[in-house]
Every structure is written in C-alpha cells, then in structure tokens.
C-alpha cells in the first residue's frame, strides 16, 4: 500500500512558524519537518500535515494571509532495512 505524505512548503521559516502556531491554536496536528528533497531543492522547513486536514489547513492559510509555495504530496519512502547492519 502506498502511503502519501502532505508537506506545506514555504518561502521562509517565518511563514512556516505562523501557520504552525495557527494550526496548533485551532487544535490541528502539524509537524515541523525539513523540506523533502523530492518536493524542493531549497533548504528550509515544511509542515507535515494529515490528508484529512487539507481543507482546514487551506482555510487557515487563507484566513491568516500566510504565503506558501505549495502543498506537496510525496510518496512515503520508508525502508525497513535502513540503518540495519546485522
């Protein structure tokens, strides 16, 4: 089963932190994460959000006038053998 992750990408960390605080105040879960290379080559933060919260996140972005680049959808890349040496 393919699992998708949703990342909100920002032009700067200030907008990321503003959205993070706004989502937390509304009771939504958001995780501050490094921007995945599959989504953008620039460095910076992104917010990992649940797919079920997409509509609310978009509304929060609009209501708070927060600038974002995009909401990237990326296939979760988990290798169960990663860092296993034995």
Protein backbone atom coordinates (compact mmCIF):
# COMPACT_ATOMS: atom_id res chain seq x y z
CA UNK A 1 0.00 0.00 0.00
CA UNK A 2 1.35 3.38 -0.99
CA UNK A 3 1.23 5.95 1.77
CA UNK A 4 1.24 9.63 0.82
CA UNK A 5 2.54 12.47 2.94
CA UNK A 6 1.45 16.10 2.59
CA UNK A 7 4.01 18.86 3.11
CA UNK A 8 3.28 22.59 3.13
CA UNK A 9 6.27 24.40 1.59
CA UNK A 10 7.13 27.99 2.44
CA UNK A 11 9.33 30.78 1.02
CA UNK A 12 10.74 31.38 4.53
CA UNK A 13 10.60 29.96 8.03
CA UNK A 14 8.53 32.87 9.41
CA UNK A 15 5.50 31.83 7.35
CA UNK A 16 6.01 28.23 8.40
CA UNK A 17 6.03 29.13 12.07
CA UNK A 18 2.97 31.38 11.67
CA UNK A 19 0.99 28.55 10.11
CA UNK A 20 2.27 26.08 12.70
CA UNK A 21 1.08 28.30 15.57
CA UNK A 22 -2.26 29.00 13.88
CA UNK A 23 -2.93 25.29 13.30
CA UNK A 24 -1.98 24.41 16.88
CA UNK A 25 -4.33 27.12 18.19
CA UNK A 26 -7.15 25.50 16.18
CA UNK A 27 -6.29 22.05 17.55
CA UNK A 28 -4.81 20.53 14.38
CA UNK A 29 -1.72 18.36 14.31
CA UNK A 30 1.21 19.65 12.27
CA UNK A 31 4.82 18.51 12.42
CA UNK A 32 7.73 20.81 11.61
CA UNK A 33 9.97 18.89 9.21
CA UNK A 34 12.89 19.53 6.87
CA UNK A 35 11.72 20.14 3.32
CA UNK A 36 11.95 16.81 1.47
CA UNK A 37 14.35 16.86 -1.49
CA UNK A 38 11.64 15.24 -3.61
CA UNK A 39 9.50 18.35 -3.09
CA UNK A 40 12.07 21.15 -3.36
CA UNK A 41 15.82 21.53 -3.69
CA UNK A 42 15.93 24.57 -1.44
CA UNK A 43 16.62 24.17 2.24
CA UNK A 44 14.11 25.16 4.85
CA UNK A 45 11.24 23.95 6.91
CA UNK A 46 7.96 22.48 5.88
CA UNK A 47 4.90 21.33 7.78
CA UNK A 48 3.81 17.73 7.58
CA UNK A 49 0.02 17.60 7.77
CA UNK A 50 -2.63 14.89 7.60
CA UNK A 51 -4.60 14.44 4.39
CA UNK A 52 -7.88 14.64 6.32
CA UNK A 53 -6.93 18.17 7.47
CA UNK A 54 -6.16 19.59 3.99
CA UNK A 55 -9.34 21.67 3.67
CA UNK A 56 -8.91 23.15 7.15
CA UNK A 57 -5.22 23.90 6.52
CA UNK A 58 -6.04 25.68 3.25
CA UNK A 59 -8.72 27.70 5.04
CA UNK A 60 -6.26 28.60 7.83
CA UNK A 61 -3.70 29.72 5.23
CA UNK A 62 -6.30 31.93 3.58
CA UNK A 63 -7.73 33.32 6.83
CA UNK A 64 -4.29 34.26 8.17
CA UNK A 65 -2.91 35.51 4.84
CA UNK A 66 0.13 33.19 5.05
CA UNK A 67 2.30 32.89 1.96
CA UNK A 68 3.12 29.34 0.91
CA UNK A 69 4.76 27.88 -2.18
CA UNK A 70 2.65 24.77 -2.43
CA UNK A 71 1.29 21.72 -0.68
CA UNK A 72 3.40 18.86 -2.00
CA UNK A 73 2.17 15.28 -1.97
CA UNK A 74 5.02 12.79 -1.73
CA UNK A 75 5.06 9.03 -1.52
CA UNK A 76 6.36 7.99 1.86
CA UNK A 77 9.82 6.49 1.45
CA UNK A 78 10.36 4.09 4.32
CA UNK A 79 13.00 1.40 4.08
CA UNK A 80 12.64 -1.06 6.96
CA UNK A 81 16.23 -2.21 6.36
CA UNK A 82 17.65 1.32 6.70
CA UNK A 83 20.37 1.56 9.34
CA UNK A 84 20.14 -2.17 9.99
CA UNK A 85 23.60 -3.70 9.99
CA UNK A 86 23.01 -7.23 11.27
